[in-house]
Amino acid sequence: MDKKIDLDFFKSLKYDVVLRKIKGKFVLFIAELGLVRKDESLEKAYHKLELAKEEYFRDMIESELSEKIPLPASLKNKQRSNGNIGIFIVKTIIVIIIAAIGASFIFGRIESFVSNFTSSFSQNMSLDRIVSESAVLLDKINNIPDQKIETAGQKLKTTAKKFKPLIDELKILLKETPENVSEGKDNSTEMPE
């Protein structure tokens, strides 16, 4: 790899610069690179920081460690959010597929029940028969053992726990707006390059 291209690439990256004024001196700090420079003049401090940054890049490239140079937080966050969107889309598709399969199963059961009920209803339309069948059905529902109800509740809770991480991620992603998505900026002042 061409060292000049590498150096130019790294010099073009925009790192956040933390600016503080301590005891009459300007202190500039690039957290990702661990570089700190200070001077009584802001321009001189910034110039010193730029020289230190270039020297750091040059040393890392000459030592064949350019892949170990940390990228700016803003670039990492953009890559992370692009990855999060892909994961979000895949998980959403999986949830939709599972919901569609579940819905088709449930609707198939309902259709079968309605079909059986209507066919038996049309064959035996007597009011006495309808009342007695309804009473038998209600009796069966009332006689479901508490243990079966509790087991069904536990299964429902287990299923809900499995979907909780996905739902939490969806909440976070849906809350993110362009103003909320971090671009590597903090409350510190960013210095132009």
Foldseek 3Di string as FASTA:
>chain_A
DDLVVLLVVQLPAFAFWFWDQDPQKIWIAGVQQGDIFIDNDPVVRVVVRSVVSSVSSSVCVVVVNSVVRDGHPLVVLVVVVVVLVVVLVVVVVVVVVVVVVVVVVVVVVVVVVVVVVVVVCVVDVDPVVVVVVVVVVVVVVVPDDPVVVVVVVVVVVVVVVVCVVSVVSVVVVVPDDPVNRDSNDDPGDGDDD
